[in-house]
């Protein structure tokens, strides 16, 4: 059973406002990690609502992105496209399209409101004095995803992280050491993020999937998904604060012992 395509006016009435501007089909395919052919096939099968037409160009939004990611996730769990179509159709009939779109957007909402920033090389070198003579460190920053070439300028995917590194350098931490710490923190936090995601999957998503993804439980799963975002950040921040207090106290105590042994 295929999902009945939804006309643009109905989607706009039901879909919450999103911050992401309209995407072309190529941009949507890149962000969703699929091909434009897959997108067109999903539209033909009724799995994906049509884009908003601006002139002769179709524009897609976060609702389309969420739908594509949801389809991919369900396929990974063994659902066929026909089964996914039936499931989506049942959800839309059992609840409302707004519920389905709300879930899809909760699934793909960004975890940070931080916006990338583009700076000139001169601005970059002012942040990190001496880096102009260390192309190896600049390359390391690119490898870590902290810097991205943008024509003759530099794009910062996370300006907050780059400026935090600049503060570390300003207080005396070598840039190489700061970059090493970013790499180590990324490894540590990827493991933390993996555990938090598995916790959601094991205790919220899997019971929902095992029950056949009933439409009446969709709002509860959507609410849990939305609440996980601030909860995950708050939990990590609280645990880190306690760990920093303990590490600082231990360092102070050790310094006192060393001073007493002189």
C-alpha atoms as a PDB file:
ATOM      1  CA  UNK A   1       0.000   0.000   0.000  1.00  0.00           C
ATOM      2  CA  UNK A   2       1.561   3.299  -1.037  1.00  0.00           C
ATOM      3  CA  UNK A   3       1.366   6.510   0.904  1.00  0.00           C
ATOM      4  CA  UNK A   4      -0.916   9.030  -0.769  1.00  0.00           C
ATOM      5  CA  UNK A   5       1.196  12.010  -1.896  1.00  0.00           C
ATOM      6  CA  UNK A   6       0.428  15.170   0.037  1.00  0.00           C
ATOM      7  CA  UNK A   7      -0.058  18.391  -1.822  1.00  0.00           C
ATOM      8  CA  UNK A   8       2.209  21.333  -1.043  1.00  0.00           C
ATOM      9  CA  UNK A   9      -0.478  23.455   0.575  1.00  0.00           C
ATOM     10  CA  UNK A  10      -1.409  20.676   2.986  1.00  0.00           C
ATOM     11  CA  UNK A  11       2.246  20.124   3.934  1.00  0.00           C
ATOM     12  CA  UNK A  12       2.775  23.813   4.581  1.00  0.00           C
ATOM     13  CA  UNK A  13      -0.336  23.992   6.774  1.00  0.00           C
ATOM     14  CA  UNK A  14       0.682  21.013   8.878  1.00  0.00           C
ATOM     15  CA  UNK A  15       4.424  21.279   8.982  1.00  0.00           C
ATOM     16  CA  UNK A  16       6.043  23.329  11.765  1.00  0.00           C
ATOM     17  CA  UNK A  17       8.370  26.148  10.808  1.00  0.00           C
ATOM     18  CA  UNK A  18      11.945  24.995  10.255  1.00  0.00           C
ATOM     19  CA  UNK A  19      15.152  26.966  10.196  1.00  0.00           C
ATOM     20  CA  UNK A  20      16.795  25.168   7.293  1.00  0.00           C
ATOM     21  CA  UNK A  21      16.227  27.044   4.014  1.00  0.00           C
ATOM     22  CA  UNK A  22      14.898  25.200   0.984  1.00  0.00           C
ATOM     23  CA  UNK A  23      17.224  22.579  -0.451  1.00  0.00           C
ATOM     24  CA  UNK A  24      17.586  21.531  -4.058  1.00  0.00           C
ATOM     25  CA  UNK A  25      17.322  17.831  -4.793  1.00  0.00           C
ATOM     26  CA  UNK A  26      21.120  17.610  -5.014  1.00  0.00           C
ATOM     27  CA  UNK A  27      21.535  19.269  -1.602  1.00  0.00           C
ATOM     28  CA  UNK A  28      18.876  17.014  -0.100  1.00  0.00           C
ATOM     29  CA  UNK A  29      20.592  13.907  -1.504  1.00  0.00           C
ATOM     30  CA  UNK A  30      23.938  15.013  -0.079  1.00  0.00           C
ATOM     31  CA  UNK A  31      22.547  15.654   3.405  1.00  0.00           C
ATOM     32  CA  UNK A  32      20.510  12.442   3.412  1.00  0.00           C
ATOM     33  CA  UNK A  33      23.387  10.334   2.098  1.00  0.00           C
ATOM     34  CA  UNK A  34      21.445   8.973  -0.863  1.00  0.00           C
ATOM     35  CA  UNK A  35      21.120   9.571  -4.595  1.00  0.00           C
ATOM     36  CA  UNK A  36      18.783  11.903  -6.433  1.00  0.00           C
ATOM     37  CA  UNK A  37      17.457   8.821  -8.208  1.00  0.00           C
ATOM     38  CA  UNK A  38      16.417   7.347  -4.849  1.00  0.00           C
ATOM     39  CA  UNK A  39      14.620  10.576  -3.970  1.00  0.00           C
ATOM     40  CA  UNK A  40      12.683  10.555  -7.227  1.00  0.00           C
ATOM     41  CA  UNK A  41      11.846   6.858  -6.797  1.00  0.00           C
ATOM     42  CA  UNK A  42      10.536   7.525  -3.270  1.00  0.00           C
ATOM     43  CA  UNK A  43       8.387  10.369  -4.597  1.00  0.00           C
ATOM     44  CA  UNK A  44       6.996   8.150  -7.349  1.00  0.00           C
ATOM     45  CA  UNK A  45       6.191   5.446  -4.792  1.00  0.00           C
ATOM     46  CA  UNK A  46       4.460   7.997  -2.555  1.00  0.00           C
ATOM     47  CA  UNK A  47       7.010   7.579   0.229  1.00  0.00           C
ATOM     48  CA  UNK A  48       8.205  11.177  -0.028  1.00  0.00           C
ATOM     49  CA  UNK A  49       5.932  14.223  -0.348  1.00  0.00           C
ATOM     50  CA  UNK A  50       6.570  16.443  -3.371  1.00  0.00           C
ATOM     51  CA  UNK A  51       8.782  19.505  -3.046  1.00  0.00           C
ATOM     52  CA  UNK A  52       7.600  23.095  -3.027  1.00  0.00           C
ATOM     53  CA  UNK A  53       7.992  24.496  -6.516  1.00  0.00           C
ATOM     54  CA  UNK A  54       9.623  27.902  -6.875  1.00  0.00           C
ATOM     55  CA  UNK A  55       9.447  28.609 -10.567  1.00  0.00           C
ATOM     56  CA  UNK A  56      10.591  25.359 -12.114  1.00  0.00           C
ATOM     57  CA  UNK A  57      12.872  24.357  -9.241  1.00  0.00           C
ATOM     58  CA  UNK A  58      11.720  22.040  -6.484  1.00  0.00           C
ATOM     59  CA  UNK A  59      12.709  23.029  -2.933  1.00  0.00           C
ATOM     60  CA  UNK A  60      12.864  20.497  -0.108  1.00  0.00           C
ATOM     61  CA  UNK A  61      12.877  21.094   3.659  1.00  0.00           C
ATOM     62  CA  UNK A  62      13.725  19.356   6.928  1.00  0.00           C
ATOM     63  CA  UNK A  63      10.524  17.315   6.710  1.00  0.00           C
ATOM     64  CA  UNK A  64      11.797  15.680   3.515  1.00  0.00           C
ATOM     65  CA  UNK A  65      15.202  15.121   5.090  1.00  0.00           C
ATOM     66  CA  UNK A  66      13.616  13.515   8.140  1.00  0.00           C
ATOM     67  CA  UNK A  67      11.470  11.257   5.954  1.00  0.00           C
ATOM     68  CA  UNK A  68      14.511  10.065   3.967  1.00  0.00           C
ATOM     69  CA  UNK A  69      16.483   9.327   7.129  1.00  0.00           C
ATOM     70  CA  UNK A  70      13.533   7.514   8.631  1.00  0.00           C
ATOM     71  CA  UNK A  71      13.176   5.381   5.503  1.00  0.00           C
ATOM     72  CA  UNK A  72      16.895   4.540   5.606  1.00  0.00           C
ATOM     73  CA  UNK A  73      16.685   3.629   9.300  1.00  0.00           C
ATOM     74  CA  UNK A  74      13.691   1.369   8.740  1.00  0.00           C
ATOM     75  CA  UNK A  75      15.418  -0.296   5.792  1.00  0.00           C
ATOM     76  CA  UNK A  76      18.429  -1.016   8.007  1.00  0.00           C
ATOM     77  CA  UNK A  77      16.064  -2.754  10.411  1.00  0.00           C
ATOM     78  CA  UNK A  78      14.863  -5.027   7.639  1.00  0.00           C
ATOM     79  CA  UNK A  79      11.699  -3.277   6.473  1.00  0.00           C
ATOM     80  CA  UNK A  80      10.995  -3.416   2.732  1.00  0.00           C
ATOM     81  CA  UNK A  81       9.956  -0.271   0.880  1.00  0.00           C
ATOM     82  CA  UNK A  82       6.474  -1.729   0.517  1.00  0.00           C
ATOM     83  CA  UNK A  83       6.345  -2.363   4.254  1.00  0.00           C
ATOM     84  CA  UNK A  84       7.577   1.158   5.006  1.00  0.00           C
ATOM     85  CA  UNK A  85       4.904   2.572   2.687  1.00  0.00           C
ATOM     86  CA  UNK A  86       2.227   0.598   4.524  1.00  0.00           C
ATOM     87  CA  UNK A  87       3.614   1.696   7.870  1.00  0.00           C
ATOM     88  CA  UNK A  88       3.667   5.378   6.933  1.00  0.00           C
ATOM     89  CA  UNK A  89       0.191   5.093   5.495  1.00  0.00           C
ATOM     90  CA  UNK A  90      -1.047   3.487   8.717  1.00  0.00           C
ATOM     91  CA  UNK A  91       0.594   6.223  10.788  1.00  0.00           C
ATOM     92  CA  UNK A  92      -0.988   8.947   8.719  1.00  0.00           C
ATOM     93  CA  UNK A  93      -4.397   7.284   8.884  1.00  0.00           C
ATOM     94  CA  UNK A  94      -4.118   6.349  12.562  1.00  0.00           C
ATOM     95  CA  UNK A  95      -2.877   9.699  13.794  1.00  0.00           C
ATOM     96  CA  UNK A  96      -2.263  12.635  11.537  1.00  0.00           C
ATOM     97  CA  UNK A  97       0.323  13.813   9.084  1.00  0.00           C
ATOM     98  CA  UNK A  98       1.380  16.423  11.653  1.00  0.00           C
ATOM     99  CA  UNK A  99       2.317  13.590  14.076  1.00  0.00           C
ATOM    100  CA  UNK A 100       4.396  11.862  11.411  1.00  0.00           C
ATOM    101  CA  UNK A 101       6.123  15.069  10.326  1.00  0.00           C
ATOM    102  CA  UNK A 102       6.736  15.961  13.973  1.00  0.00           C
ATOM    103  CA  UNK A 103       8.507  12.647  14.531  1.00  0.00           C
ATOM    104  CA  UNK A 104      10.592  12.992  11.385  1.00  0.00           C
ATOM    105  CA  UNK A 105      11.675  16.510  12.310  1.00  0.00           C
ATOM    106  CA  UNK A 106      12.458  15.475  15.903  1.00  0.00           C
ATOM    107  CA  UNK A 107      14.621  12.719  14.440  1.00  0.00           C
ATOM    108  CA  UNK A 108      16.678  15.110  12.319  1.00  0.00           C
ATOM    109  CA  UNK A 109      16.630  18.331  14.363  1.00  0.00           C
ATOM    110  CA  UNK A 110      20.150  19.713  14.889  1.00  0.00           C
ATOM    111  CA  UNK A 111      21.748  19.115  18.275  1.00  0.00           C
ATOM    112  CA  UNK A 112      23.214  22.602  18.267  1.00  0.00           C
ATOM    113  CA  UNK A 113      22.018  26.004  17.137  1.00  0.00           C
ATOM    114  CA  UNK A 114      25.599  26.970  16.278  1.00  0.00           C
ATOM    115  CA  UNK A 115      26.035  28.391  12.798  1.00  0.00           C
ATOM    116  CA  UNK A 116      29.221  27.937  10.733  1.00  0.00           C
ATOM    117  CA  UNK A 117      31.302  31.037  10.195  1.00  0.00           C
ATOM    118  CA  UNK A 118      33.633  32.087   7.390  1.00  0.00           C
ATOM    119  CA  UNK A 119      36.802  33.996   8.307  1.00  0.00           C
ATOM    120  CA  UNK A 120      39.746  35.315   6.332  1.00  0.00           C
ATOM    121  CA  UNK A 121      43.212  33.758   6.709  1.00  0.00           C
ATOM    122  CA  UNK A 122      44.327  36.956   8.457  1.00  0.00           C
ATOM    123  CA  UNK A 123      41.542  36.573  11.041  1.00  0.00           C
ATOM    124  CA  UNK A 124      42.508  32.947  11.502  1.00  0.00           C
ATOM    125  CA  UNK A 125      46.143  33.806  12.102  1.00  0.00           C
ATOM    126  CA  UNK A 126      45.144  36.490  14.621  1.00  0.00           C
ATOM    127  CA  UNK A 127      43.280  33.820  16.578  1.00  0.00           C
ATOM    128  CA  UNK A 128      46.318  31.536  16.481  1.00  0.00           C
ATOM    129  CA  UNK A 129      49.510  33.625  16.332  1.00  0.00           C
ATOM    130  CA  UNK A 130      52.380  31.721  14.741  1.00  0.00           C
ATOM    131  CA  UNK A 131      50.143  29.256  12.904  1.00  0.00           C
ATOM    132  CA  UNK A 132      50.987  30.918   9.578  1.00  0.00           C
ATOM    133  CA  UNK A 133      54.416  29.302   9.780  1.00  0.00           C
ATOM    134  CA  UNK A 134      53.006  25.896  10.800  1.00  0.00           C
ATOM    135  CA  UNK A 135      51.163  24.464   7.791  1.00  0.00           C
ATOM    136  CA  UNK A 136      51.269  21.050   9.496  1.00  0.00           C
ATOM    137  CA  UNK A 137      49.022  22.368  12.289  1.00  0.00           C
ATOM    138  CA  UNK A 138      46.661  23.996   9.802  1.00  0.00           C
ATOM    139  CA  UNK A 139      46.406  20.673   7.962  1.00  0.00           C
ATOM    140  CA  UNK A 140      45.705  18.943  11.287  1.00  0.00           C
ATOM    141  CA  UNK A 141      42.863  21.364  11.908  1.00  0.00           C
ATOM    142  CA  UNK A 142      41.436  20.509   8.488  1.00  0.00           C
ATOM    143  CA  UNK A 143      41.796  16.770   9.168  1.00  0.00           C
ATOM    144  CA  UNK A 144      39.906  17.177  12.457  1.00  0.00           C
ATOM    145  CA  UNK A 145      37.102  19.045  10.685  1.00  0.00           C
ATOM    146  CA  UNK A 146      37.772  22.269  12.591  1.00  0.00           C
ATOM    147  CA  UNK A 147      38.682  24.161   9.426  1.00  0.00           C
ATOM    148  CA  UNK A 148      37.384  23.874   5.877  1.00  0.00           C
ATOM    149  CA  UNK A 149      38.793  25.675   2.816  1.00  0.00           C
ATOM    150  CA  UNK A 150      36.195  28.071   1.395  1.00  0.00           C
ATOM    151  CA  UNK A 151      37.690  29.699  -1.663  1.00  0.00           C
ATOM    152  CA  UNK A 152      40.365  32.053  -0.358  1.00  0.00           C
ATOM    153  CA  UNK A 153      38.780  32.023   3.118  1.00  0.00           C
ATOM    154  CA  UNK A 154      38.352  29.497   5.906  1.00  0.00           C
ATOM    155  CA  UNK A 155      35.030  28.034   7.037  1.00  0.00           C
ATOM    156  CA  UNK A 156      34.623  27.174  10.723  1.00  0.00           C
ATOM    157  CA  UNK A 157      31.945  24.479  11.175  1.00  0.00           C
ATOM    158  CA  UNK A 158      32.091  25.106  14.937  1.00  0.00           C
ATOM    159  CA  UNK A 159      33.245  28.659  15.710  1.00  0.00           C
ATOM    160  CA  UNK A 160      32.770  28.062  19.468  1.00  0.00           C
ATOM    161  CA  UNK A 161      35.185  25.138  19.414  1.00  0.00           C
ATOM    162  CA  UNK A 162      37.775  27.064  17.398  1.00  0.00           C
ATOM    163  CA  UNK A 163      37.563  30.072  19.722  1.00  0.00           C
ATOM    164  CA  UNK A 164      37.848  27.809  22.768  1.00  0.00           C
ATOM    165  CA  UNK A 165      41.064  26.489  21.232  1.00  0.00           C
ATOM    166  CA  UNK A 166      42.255  30.044  20.711  1.00  0.00           C
ATOM    167  CA  UNK A 167      41.624  30.761  24.408  1.00  0.00           C
ATOM    168  CA  UNK A 168      43.671  27.709  25.368  1.00  0.00           C
ATOM    169  CA  UNK A 169      46.536  28.913  23.184  1.00  0.00           C
ATOM    170  CA  UNK A 170      46.237  32.413  24.700  1.00  0.00           C
ATOM    171  CA  UNK A 171      46.759  31.043  28.225  1.00  0.00           C
ATOM    172  CA  UNK A 172      49.857  29.127  27.173  1.00  0.00           C
ATOM    173  CA  UNK A 173      48.727  25.760  25.824  1.00  0.00           C
ATOM    174  CA  UNK A 174      50.624  24.904  22.612  1.00  0.00           C
ATOM    175  CA  UNK A 175      48.374  24.673  19.572  1.00  0.00           C
ATOM    176  CA  UNK A 176      49.582  21.130  18.851  1.00  0.00           C
ATOM    177  CA  UNK A 177      48.552  20.042  22.358  1.00  0.00           C
ATOM    178  CA  UNK A 178      45.138  21.722  21.981  1.00  0.00           C
ATOM    179  CA  UNK A 179      44.561  19.873  18.703  1.00  0.00           C
ATOM    180  CA  UNK A 180      45.575  16.585  20.309  1.00  0.00           C
ATOM    181  CA  UNK A 181      43.048  17.208  23.069  1.00  0.00           C
ATOM    182  CA  UNK A 182      40.270  17.915  20.568  1.00  0.00           C
ATOM    183  CA  UNK A 183      41.008  14.581  18.880  1.00  0.00           C
ATOM    184  CA  UNK A 184      41.012  12.750  22.229  1.00  0.00           C
ATOM    185  CA  UNK A 185      37.803  14.461  23.385  1.00  0.00           C
ATOM    186  CA  UNK A 186      36.107  13.582  20.124  1.00  0.00           C
ATOM    187  CA  UNK A 187      36.980   9.905  20.614  1.00  0.00           C
ATOM    188  CA  UNK A 188      35.750   9.992  24.224  1.00  0.00           C
ATOM    189  CA  UNK A 189      32.511  11.767  23.405  1.00  0.00           C
ATOM    190  CA  UNK A 190      31.768   9.573  20.399  1.00  0.00           C
ATOM    191  CA  UNK A 191      31.701   6.648  22.832  1.00  0.00           C
ATOM    192  CA  UNK A 192      29.459   8.617  25.218  1.00  0.00           C
ATOM    193  CA  UNK A 193      27.125   9.580  22.369  1.00  0.00           C
ATOM    194  CA  UNK A 194      27.009   5.965  21.204  1.00  0.00           C
ATOM    195  CA  UNK A 195      25.957   4.788  24.661  1.00  0.00           C
ATOM    196  CA  UNK A 196      23.244   7.432  24.945  1.00  0.00           C
ATOM    197  CA  UNK A 197      21.869   6.576  21.502  1.00  0.00           C
ATOM    198  CA  UNK A 198      21.887   2.859  22.330  1.00  0.00           C
ATOM    199  CA  UNK A 199      20.018   3.607  25.548  1.00  0.00           C
ATOM    200  CA  UNK A 200      17.274   5.340  23.553  1.00  0.00           C
ATOM    201  CA  UNK A 201      17.218   2.553  20.980  1.00  0.00           C
ATOM    202  CA  UNK A 202      17.071  -0.239  23.578  1.00  0.00           C
ATOM    203  CA  UNK A 203      14.474   1.277  25.896  1.00  0.00           C
ATOM    204  CA  UNK A 204      12.309   3.478  23.656  1.00  0.00           C
ATOM    205  CA  UNK A 205      12.728   2.677  19.976  1.00  0.00           C
ATOM    206  CA  UNK A 206      13.063  -1.117  20.124  1.00  0.00           C
ATOM    207  CA  UNK A 207       9.901  -1.687  22.213  1.00  0.00           C
ATOM    208  CA  UNK A 208       8.059   0.629  19.792  1.00  0.00           C
ATOM    209  CA  UNK A 209       9.400  -1.254  16.752  1.00  0.00           C
ATOM    210  CA  UNK A 210       8.735  -4.671  18.338  1.00  0.00           C
ATOM    211  CA  UNK A 211       5.128  -3.637  18.938  1.00  0.00           C
ATOM    212  CA  UNK A 212       4.728  -2.966  15.217  1.00  0.00           C
ATOM    213  CA  UNK A 213       5.187   0.810  15.536  1.00  0.00           C
ATOM    214  CA  UNK A 214       1.559   1.492  16.477  1.00  0.00           C
ATOM    215  CA  UNK A 215       0.350   4.922  15.427  1.00  0.00           C
ATOM    216  CA  UNK A 216      -1.040   5.795  18.846  1.00  0.00           C
ATOM    217  CA  UNK A 217       2.433   5.450  20.397  1.00  0.00           C
ATOM    218  CA  UNK A 218       4.129   7.724  17.864  1.00  0.00           C
ATOM    219  CA  UNK A 219       3.595  10.972  19.848  1.00  0.00           C
ATOM    220  CA  UNK A 220       5.119   9.346  22.948  1.00  0.00           C
ATOM    221  CA  UNK A 221       8.225   8.255  20.995  1.00  0.00           C
ATOM    222  CA  UNK A 222       8.498  11.703  19.410  1.00  0.00           C
ATOM    223  CA  UNK A 223       8.298  13.366  22.831  1.00  0.00           C
ATOM    224  CA  UNK A 224      10.978  11.020  24.190  1.00  0.00           C
ATOM    225  CA  UNK A 225      13.223  11.802  21.235  1.00  0.00           C
ATOM    226  CA  UNK A 226      12.830  15.553  21.747  1.00  0.00           C
ATOM    227  CA  UNK A 227      13.475  15.299  25.485  1.00  0.00           C
ATOM    228  CA  UNK A 228      16.617  13.217  24.934  1.00  0.00           C
ATOM    229  CA  UNK A 229      18.418  16.153  23.360  1.00  0.00           C
ATOM    230  CA  UNK A 230      18.513  18.538  26.348  1.00  0.00           C
ATOM    231  CA  UNK A 231      18.750  15.582  28.749  1.00  0.00           C
ATOM    232  CA  UNK A 232      21.861  14.229  27.032  1.00  0.00           C
ATOM    233  CA  UNK A 233      23.557  17.637  27.079  1.00  0.00           C
ATOM    234  CA  UNK A 234      22.587  18.313  30.712  1.00  0.00           C
ATOM    235  CA  UNK A 235      23.776  14.875  31.845  1.00  0.00           C
ATOM    236  CA  UNK A 236      27.173  15.205  30.163  1.00  0.00           C
ATOM    237  CA  UNK A 237      27.614  18.744  31.524  1.00  0.00           C
ATOM    238  CA  UNK A 238      26.737  17.704  35.090  1.00  0.00           C
ATOM    239  CA  UNK A 239      29.020  14.658  35.084  1.00  0.00           C
ATOM    240  CA  UNK A 240      31.858  16.684  33.544  1.00  0.00           C
ATOM    241  CA  UNK A 241      31.477  19.397  36.192  1.00  0.00           C
ATOM    242  CA  UNK A 242      31.786  16.856  39.014  1.00  0.00           C
ATOM    243  CA  UNK A 243      34.729  15.162  37.279  1.00  0.00           C
ATOM    244  CA  UNK A 244      36.515  18.505  36.844  1.00  0.00           C
ATOM    245  CA  UNK A 245      35.999  19.346  40.526  1.00  0.00           C
ATOM    246  CA  UNK A 246      37.452  15.987  41.545  1.00  0.00           C
ATOM    247  CA  UNK A 247      40.396  16.266  39.137  1.00  0.00           C
ATOM    248  CA  UNK A 248      41.165  19.837  40.240  1.00  0.00           C
ATOM    249  CA  UNK A 249      41.036  18.863  43.920  1.00  0.00           C
ATOM    250  CA  UNK A 250      43.340  15.900  43.279  1.00  0.00           C
ATOM    251  CA  UNK A 251      45.778  18.100  41.361  1.00  0.00           C
ATOM    252  CA  UNK A 252      45.796  20.709  44.140  1.00  0.00           C
ATOM    253  CA  UNK A 253      46.380  18.052  46.784  1.00  0.00           C
ATOM    254  CA  UNK A 254      49.259  16.547  44.792  1.00  0.00           C
ATOM    255  CA  UNK A 255      50.828  19.976  44.329  1.00  0.00           C
ATOM    256  CA  UNK A 256      50.640  20.543  48.101  1.00  0.00           C
ATOM    257  CA  UNK A 257      52.316  17.189  48.746  1.00  0.00           C
ATOM    258  CA  UNK A 258      55.129  18.014  46.324  1.00  0.00           C
ATOM    259  CA  UNK A 259      55.589  21.446  47.923  1.00  0.00           C
ATOM    260  CA  UNK A 260      55.795  19.830  51.368  1.00  0.00           C
ATOM    261  CA  UNK A 261      58.474  17.399  50.199  1.00  0.00           C
ATOM    262  CA  UNK A 262      60.812  20.203  49.136  1.00  0.00           C
END
